[in-house]
């Protein structure tokens, strides 16, 4: 799991634009304020990801088995899935 966190951290930190502004300028101060805000927002997301519970491998295996045997392929489940995608997104 630590590798996943490191990967996410690297992606997030590398996605922040690194625009150099002259030191001491108003642009530099604004950039530093923006960077601080962005870093704090991403830090919160990373903290929540780290605190997330571990994946229940047995539940995942059961879900895969149920999906593979077609038990969930009913018109009602298809409708519920579509409604959940619309409400919650993917």
Protein backbone atom coordinates (compact mmCIF):
# COMPACT_ATOMS: atom_id res chain seq x y z
CA UNK A 1 0.00 0.00 0.00
CA UNK A 2 2.89 2.36 0.70
CA UNK A 3 3.93 2.18 -2.96
CA UNK A 4 0.44 3.34 -3.98
CA UNK A 5 0.62 6.27 -1.59
CA UNK A 6 4.06 7.22 -2.89
CA UNK A 7 2.78 6.99 -6.47
CA UNK A 8 -0.24 9.19 -5.70
CA UNK A 9 1.97 11.66 -3.84
CA UNK A 10 4.37 11.91 -6.77
CA UNK A 11 1.54 12.36 -9.27
CA UNK A 12 -0.12 15.05 -7.17
CA UNK A 13 3.07 16.93 -6.41
CA UNK A 14 4.30 16.72 -10.01
CA UNK A 15 0.96 18.03 -11.30
CA UNK A 16 1.42 21.33 -9.50
CA UNK A 17 2.74 23.88 -11.99
CA UNK A 18 6.19 25.15 -11.16
CA UNK A 19 6.17 28.67 -12.51
CA UNK A 20 9.13 30.62 -11.27
CA UNK A 21 8.35 34.18 -10.28
CA UNK A 22 10.94 36.79 -9.40
CA UNK A 23 11.82 36.66 -5.71
CA UNK A 24 10.28 39.42 -3.67
CA UNK A 25 7.61 40.31 -6.24
CA UNK A 26 3.86 40.36 -5.62
CA UNK A 27 3.59 37.48 -8.11
CA UNK A 28 6.00 35.42 -6.00
CA UNK A 29 3.93 36.06 -2.86
CA UNK A 30 0.71 35.11 -4.66
CA UNK A 31 2.37 31.98 -6.04
CA UNK A 32 3.59 30.97 -2.58
CA UNK A 33 0.10 31.49 -1.11
CA UNK A 34 -1.42 29.42 -3.92
CA UNK A 35 1.18 26.68 -3.53
CA UNK A 36 0.58 26.52 0.22
CA UNK A 37 -3.17 26.25 -0.32
CA UNK A 38 -2.77 23.53 -2.98
CA UNK A 39 -0.33 21.53 -0.86
CA UNK A 40 -2.63 21.67 2.15
CA UNK A 41 -5.61 20.54 0.04
CA UNK A 42 -3.68 17.60 -1.40
CA UNK A 43 -2.23 16.73 2.00
CA UNK A 44 -5.76 16.31 3.36
CA UNK A 45 -6.65 13.97 0.48
CA UNK A 46 -3.50 11.93 1.02
CA UNK A 47 -4.16 11.71 4.77
CA UNK A 48 -7.65 10.39 4.07
CA UNK A 49 -6.28 7.85 1.59
CA UNK A 50 -3.73 6.66 4.14
CA UNK A 51 -6.43 6.35 6.80
CA UNK A 52 -8.73 4.34 4.50
CA UNK A 53 -9.43 0.82 5.71
CA UNK A 54 -7.66 -2.10 4.10
CA UNK A 55 -9.41 -3.91 1.26
CA UNK A 56 -11.34 -7.01 2.32
CA UNK A 57 -9.89 -9.54 -0.13
CA UNK A 58 -12.59 -12.11 0.65
CA UNK A 59 -15.37 -9.62 -0.18
CA UNK A 60 -13.60 -8.72 -3.42
CA UNK A 61 -13.31 -12.40 -4.36
CA UNK A 62 -17.02 -12.94 -3.61
CA UNK A 63 -17.97 -9.90 -5.71
CA UNK A 64 -15.87 -11.18 -8.62
CA UNK A 65 -17.48 -14.64 -8.37
CA UNK A 66 -21.02 -13.24 -8.25
CA UNK A 67 -20.31 -10.97 -11.19
CA UNK A 68 -18.74 -13.79 -13.21
CA UNK A 69 -21.66 -16.18 -12.74
CA UNK A 70 -24.26 -13.63 -13.87
CA UNK A 71 -26.23 -13.48 -10.63
CA UNK A 72 -26.19 -9.68 -10.68
CA UNK A 73 -27.23 -9.31 -14.32
CA UNK A 74 -30.88 -8.45 -13.77
CA UNK A 75 -32.87 -5.55 -15.23
CA UNK A 76 -33.44 -4.17 -11.72
CA UNK A 77 -29.72 -4.20 -10.87
CA UNK A 78 -28.89 -2.58 -14.21
CA UNK A 79 -31.37 0.21 -13.48
CA UNK A 80 -30.01 0.68 -9.95
CA UNK A 81 -26.45 0.80 -11.27
CA UNK A 82 -27.40 3.44 -13.85
CA UNK A 83 -29.16 5.52 -11.19
CA UNK A 84 -26.13 5.31 -8.89
CA UNK A 85 -23.81 6.37 -11.70
CA UNK A 86 -26.00 9.39 -12.39
CA UNK A 87 -26.26 10.31 -8.71
CA UNK A 88 -22.72 9.55 -7.55
CA UNK A 89 -20.71 9.53 -10.75
CA UNK A 90 -18.19 6.90 -11.65
